[in-house]
Amino acid sequence: MESKSSVIKEVRKILDKNLELRGLRKTPERYAIINEIYSYNHHFDADELYNRMIKKNYRVSKATIYNTLDLLVNIDLVSRHIFKDNLAKYEKSFGFKQHDHIILDNDEILEFCDPRIQLIKNSVEEMFDVEIKDHSLYFFGTKKKK
């Protein structure tokens, strides 16, 4: 597993390249946002990110947060999920393996990886003569009482 600092360096390089390609400015806010996201170890929504940035005295607007999240999703540095209630949740994605989610009634999100899903993907590709580029699988449930 790569160290956190090497992941951040690589993520910043990818961001640099994409900002240049799109003719966008390399603002300190964009880099602060990516650093903050890559310090998270959980899923978050835009308001949580905004509030955390404000508490750390960053001068960012909600529009900057949303626009930067859209950019980061488009360049595959962040994943966007709509788990329930039509609320977008995000998570860092560079350097992290494909995984799926279990969303519990208490809004807890569990992650899992099962190699059988890859077998299903391969079977579906063959059956329909398609190439699947990505997938998302969500299970919704409740913790069992012990």
C-alpha atoms as a PDB file:
ATOM      1  CA  MET A   1       0.000   0.000   0.000  1.00  0.00           C
ATOM      2  CA  GLU A   2       1.320   3.415  -0.925  1.00  0.00           C
ATOM      3  CA  SER A   3       1.995   5.918   1.833  1.00  0.00           C
ATOM      4  CA  LYS A   4      -0.519   8.702   2.383  1.00  0.00           C
ATOM      5  CA  SER A   5       1.979  11.373   1.272  1.00  0.00           C
ATOM      6  CA  SER A   6       2.823   9.558  -1.979  1.00  0.00           C
ATOM      7  CA  VAL A   7      -0.896   9.161  -2.759  1.00  0.00           C
ATOM      8  CA  ILE A   8      -1.466  12.900  -2.150  1.00  0.00           C
ATOM      9  CA  LYS A   9       1.506  13.781  -4.381  1.00  0.00           C
ATOM     10  CA  GLU A  10       0.151  11.617  -7.188  1.00  0.00           C
ATOM     11  CA  VAL A  11      -3.379  12.990  -6.752  1.00  0.00           C
ATOM     12  CA  ARG A  12      -2.049  16.566  -6.908  1.00  0.00           C
ATOM     13  CA  LYS A  13      -0.148  15.741 -10.129  1.00  0.00           C
ATOM     14  CA  ILE A  14      -3.319  14.368 -11.714  1.00  0.00           C
ATOM     15  CA  LEU A  15      -5.240  17.445 -10.572  1.00  0.00           C
ATOM     16  CA  ASP A  16      -2.502  19.748 -11.981  1.00  0.00           C
ATOM     17  CA  LYS A  17      -2.590  18.021 -15.359  1.00  0.00           C
ATOM     18  CA  ASN A  18      -6.385  18.151 -15.574  1.00  0.00           C
ATOM     19  CA  LEU A  19      -6.598  21.802 -14.537  1.00  0.00           C
ATOM     20  CA  GLU A  20      -4.089  22.652 -17.278  1.00  0.00           C
ATOM     21  CA  LEU A  21      -5.965  20.579 -19.885  1.00  0.00           C
ATOM     22  CA  ARG A  22      -9.257  22.273 -18.981  1.00  0.00           C
ATOM     23  CA  GLY A  23      -7.772  25.765 -18.775  1.00  0.00           C
ATOM     24  CA  LEU A  24      -8.727  26.097 -15.099  1.00  0.00           C
ATOM     25  CA  ARG A  25      -6.776  27.996 -12.457  1.00  0.00           C
ATOM     26  CA  LYS A  26      -4.660  26.184  -9.882  1.00  0.00           C
ATOM     27  CA  THR A  27      -6.173  27.785  -6.809  1.00  0.00           C
ATOM     28  CA  PRO A  28      -5.059  27.094  -3.236  1.00  0.00           C
ATOM     29  CA  GLU A  29      -8.681  26.223  -2.393  1.00  0.00           C
ATOM     30  CA  ARG A  30      -8.752  23.332  -4.876  1.00  0.00           C
ATOM     31  CA  TYR A  31      -5.590  21.858  -3.366  1.00  0.00           C
ATOM     32  CA  ALA A  32      -6.877  22.374   0.184  1.00  0.00           C
ATOM     33  CA  ILE A  33     -10.098  20.565  -0.765  1.00  0.00           C
ATOM     34  CA  ILE A  34      -8.246  17.582  -2.263  1.00  0.00           C
ATOM     35  CA  ASN A  35      -5.979  17.406   0.802  1.00  0.00           C
ATOM     36  CA  GLU A  36      -9.010  17.444   3.084  1.00  0.00           C
ATOM     37  CA  ILE A  37     -10.805  14.744   1.094  1.00  0.00           C
ATOM     38  CA  TYR A  38      -7.765  12.485   1.137  1.00  0.00           C
ATOM     39  CA  SER A  39      -7.498  12.875   4.919  1.00  0.00           C
ATOM     40  CA  TYR A  40     -11.004  11.370   5.334  1.00  0.00           C
ATOM     41  CA  ASN A  41     -11.442   7.698   6.097  1.00  0.00           C
ATOM     42  CA  HIS A  42     -15.188   7.701   5.549  1.00  0.00           C
ATOM     43  CA  HIS A  43     -17.893   8.782   3.121  1.00  0.00           C
ATOM     44  CA  PHE A  44     -18.904  12.435   3.349  1.00  0.00           C
ATOM     45  CA  ASP A  45     -21.337  14.869   1.802  1.00  0.00           C
ATOM     46  CA  ALA A  46     -20.590  18.328   0.411  1.00  0.00           C
ATOM     47  CA  ASP A  47     -21.956  20.105   3.492  1.00  0.00           C
ATOM     48  CA  GLU A  48     -19.688  18.112   5.811  1.00  0.00           C
ATOM     49  CA  LEU A  49     -16.676  18.992   3.655  1.00  0.00           C
ATOM     50  CA  TYR A  50     -17.711  22.664   3.528  1.00  0.00           C
ATOM     51  CA  ASN A  51     -18.194  22.851   7.312  1.00  0.00           C
ATOM     52  CA  ARG A  52     -14.862  21.167   7.957  1.00  0.00           C
ATOM     53  CA  MET A  53     -13.086  23.587   5.603  1.00  0.00           C
ATOM     54  CA  ILE A  54     -14.735  26.603   7.281  1.00  0.00           C
ATOM     55  CA  LYS A  55     -13.767  25.320  10.759  1.00  0.00           C
ATOM     56  CA  LYS A  56     -10.164  25.183   9.528  1.00  0.00           C
ATOM     57  CA  ASN A  57     -10.490  28.822   8.392  1.00  0.00           C
ATOM     58  CA  TYR A  58     -10.341  28.142   4.657  1.00  0.00           C
ATOM     59  CA  ARG A  59     -12.122  30.794   2.639  1.00  0.00           C
ATOM     60  CA  VAL A  60     -14.222  28.579   0.376  1.00  0.00           C
ATOM     61  CA  SER A  61     -17.768  28.929  -0.825  1.00  0.00           C
ATOM     62  CA  LYS A  62     -20.267  26.121  -1.191  1.00  0.00           C
ATOM     63  CA  ALA A  63     -20.100  26.717  -4.946  1.00  0.00           C
ATOM     64  CA  THR A  64     -16.337  26.093  -4.868  1.00  0.00           C
ATOM     65  CA  ILE A  65     -16.892  22.869  -2.927  1.00  0.00           C
ATOM     66  CA  TYR A  66     -19.560  21.616  -5.362  1.00  0.00           C
ATOM     67  CA  ASN A  67     -17.615  22.647  -8.473  1.00  0.00           C
ATOM     68  CA  THR A  68     -14.414  21.065  -7.187  1.00  0.00           C
ATOM     69  CA  LEU A  69     -16.229  17.854  -6.234  1.00  0.00           C
ATOM     70  CA  ASP A  70     -17.719  17.688  -9.766  1.00  0.00           C
ATOM     71  CA  LEU A  71     -14.253  18.145 -11.272  1.00  0.00           C
ATOM     72  CA  LEU A  72     -12.711  15.506  -8.988  1.00  0.00           C
ATOM     73  CA  VAL A  73     -15.473  13.020  -9.841  1.00  0.00           C
ATOM     74  CA  ASN A  74     -14.950  13.666 -13.578  1.00  0.00           C
ATOM     75  CA  ILE A  75     -11.223  12.940 -13.311  1.00  0.00           C
ATOM     76  CA  ASP A  76     -11.749   9.825 -11.126  1.00  0.00           C
ATOM     77  CA  LEU A  77     -10.092  11.185  -7.991  1.00  0.00           C
ATOM     78  CA  VAL A  78     -13.365  11.051  -6.046  1.00  0.00           C
ATOM     79  CA  SER A  79     -16.375   8.732  -6.331  1.00  0.00           C
ATOM     80  CA  ARG A  80     -19.950   9.968  -5.960  1.00  0.00           C
ATOM     81  CA  HIS A  81     -22.646   7.680  -4.561  1.00  0.00           C
ATOM     82  CA  ILE A  82     -26.367   8.201  -4.103  1.00  0.00           C
ATOM     83  CA  PHE A  83     -27.116   5.788  -1.279  1.00  0.00           C
ATOM     84  CA  LYS A  84     -30.547   6.951  -0.152  1.00  0.00           C
ATOM     85  CA  ASP A  85     -32.703  10.063   0.238  1.00  0.00           C
ATOM     86  CA  ASN A  86     -31.181  11.317  -3.035  1.00  0.00           C
ATOM     87  CA  LEU A  87     -28.200  12.695  -1.076  1.00  0.00           C
ATOM     88  CA  ALA A  88     -24.795  12.486  -2.732  1.00  0.00           C
ATOM     89  CA  LYS A  89     -21.999  10.995  -0.651  1.00  0.00           C
ATOM     90  CA  TYR A  90     -18.386  11.072  -1.759  1.00  0.00           C
ATOM     91  CA  GLU A  91     -15.202   9.151  -1.081  1.00  0.00           C
ATOM     92  CA  LYS A  92     -11.622   9.322  -2.258  1.00  0.00           C
ATOM     93  CA  SER A  93     -10.996   6.878  -5.063  1.00  0.00           C
ATOM     94  CA  PHE A  94      -7.407   7.129  -6.328  1.00  0.00           C
ATOM     95  CA  GLY A  95      -5.306   4.217  -5.119  1.00  0.00           C
ATOM     96  CA  PHE A  96      -8.252   2.387  -3.568  1.00  0.00           C
ATOM     97  CA  LYS A  97      -9.587  -0.925  -4.818  1.00  0.00           C
ATOM     98  CA  GLN A  98     -13.072  -1.379  -6.203  1.00  0.00           C
ATOM     99  CA  HIS A  99     -15.526  -2.158  -3.444  1.00  0.00           C
ATOM    100  CA  ASP A 100     -19.236  -2.248  -2.798  1.00  0.00           C
ATOM    101  CA  HIS A 101     -21.442  -0.944  -0.010  1.00  0.00           C
ATOM    102  CA  ILE A 102     -23.975  -1.973   2.600  1.00  0.00           C
ATOM    103  CA  ILE A 103     -26.046   0.986   3.820  1.00  0.00           C
ATOM    104  CA  LEU A 104     -27.640   0.415   7.199  1.00  0.00           C
ATOM    105  CA  ASP A 105     -30.772   2.087   8.568  1.00  0.00           C
ATOM    106  CA  ASN A 106     -28.653   4.129  10.998  1.00  0.00           C
ATOM    107  CA  ASP A 107     -26.743   5.612   8.000  1.00  0.00           C
ATOM    108  CA  GLU A 108     -23.669   3.511   8.772  1.00  0.00           C
ATOM    109  CA  ILE A 109     -21.917   2.478   5.564  1.00  0.00           C
ATOM    110  CA  LEU A 110     -20.016  -0.801   5.423  1.00  0.00           C
ATOM    111  CA  GLU A 111     -17.634  -1.589   2.578  1.00  0.00           C
ATOM    112  CA  PHE A 112     -16.856  -5.015   1.218  1.00  0.00           C
ATOM    113  CA  CYS A 113     -15.069  -6.662  -1.653  1.00  0.00           C
ATOM    114  CA  ASP A 114     -16.154 -10.064  -2.936  1.00  0.00           C
ATOM    115  CA  PRO A 115     -14.304 -11.657  -5.876  1.00  0.00           C
ATOM    116  CA  ARG A 116     -17.528 -13.357  -7.022  1.00  0.00           C
ATOM    117  CA  ILE A 117     -18.767  -9.959  -8.205  1.00  0.00           C
ATOM    118  CA  GLN A 118     -15.907  -9.886 -10.725  1.00  0.00           C
ATOM    119  CA  LEU A 119     -17.027 -13.302 -11.975  1.00  0.00           C
ATOM    120  CA  ILE A 120     -20.584 -11.986 -12.413  1.00  0.00           C
ATOM    121  CA  LYS A 121     -19.239  -8.938 -14.262  1.00  0.00           C
ATOM    122  CA  ASN A 122     -17.218 -11.178 -16.603  1.00  0.00           C
ATOM    123  CA  SER A 123     -20.264 -13.374 -17.238  1.00  0.00           C
ATOM    124  CA  VAL A 124     -22.502 -10.382 -18.021  1.00  0.00           C
ATOM    125  CA  GLU A 125     -19.878  -8.945 -20.406  1.00  0.00           C
ATOM    126  CA  GLU A 126     -19.723 -12.241 -22.269  1.00  0.00           C
ATOM    127  CA  MET A 127     -23.498 -12.762 -22.272  1.00  0.00           C
ATOM    128  CA  PHE A 128     -24.269  -9.318 -23.724  1.00  0.00           C
ATOM    129  CA  ASP A 129     -21.020  -8.774 -25.658  1.00  0.00           C
ATOM    130  CA  VAL A 130     -20.257  -5.552 -23.784  1.00  0.00           C
ATOM    131  CA  GLU A 131     -17.366  -4.084 -21.824  1.00  0.00           C
ATOM    132  CA  ILE A 132     -18.347  -2.953 -18.346  1.00  0.00           C
ATOM    133  CA  LYS A 133     -16.195  -0.010 -17.322  1.00  0.00           C
ATOM    134  CA  ASP A 134     -17.490   0.455 -13.794  1.00  0.00           C
ATOM    135  CA  HIS A 135     -20.196  -0.744 -11.467  1.00  0.00           C
ATOM    136  CA  SER A 136     -21.865   0.068  -8.190  1.00  0.00           C
ATOM    137  CA  LEU A 137     -23.622  -2.337  -5.890  1.00  0.00           C
ATOM    138  CA  TYR A 138     -25.551  -1.230  -2.825  1.00  0.00           C
ATOM    139  CA  PHE A 139     -27.250  -3.409  -0.255  1.00  0.00           C
ATOM    140  CA  PHE A 140     -29.609  -1.738   2.214  1.00  0.00           C
ATOM    141  CA  GLY A 141     -30.136  -3.376   5.585  1.00  0.00           C
ATOM    142  CA  THR A 142     -30.399  -3.344   9.338  1.00  0.00           C
ATOM    143  CA  LYS A 143     -27.928  -4.610  11.939  1.00  0.00           C
ATOM    144  CA  LYS A 144     -29.195  -7.819  13.515  1.00  0.00           C
ATOM    145  CA  LYS A 145     -29.880  -7.768  17.230  1.00  0.00           C
ATOM    146  CA  LYS A 146     -27.552  -9.977  19.252  1.00  0.00           C
END
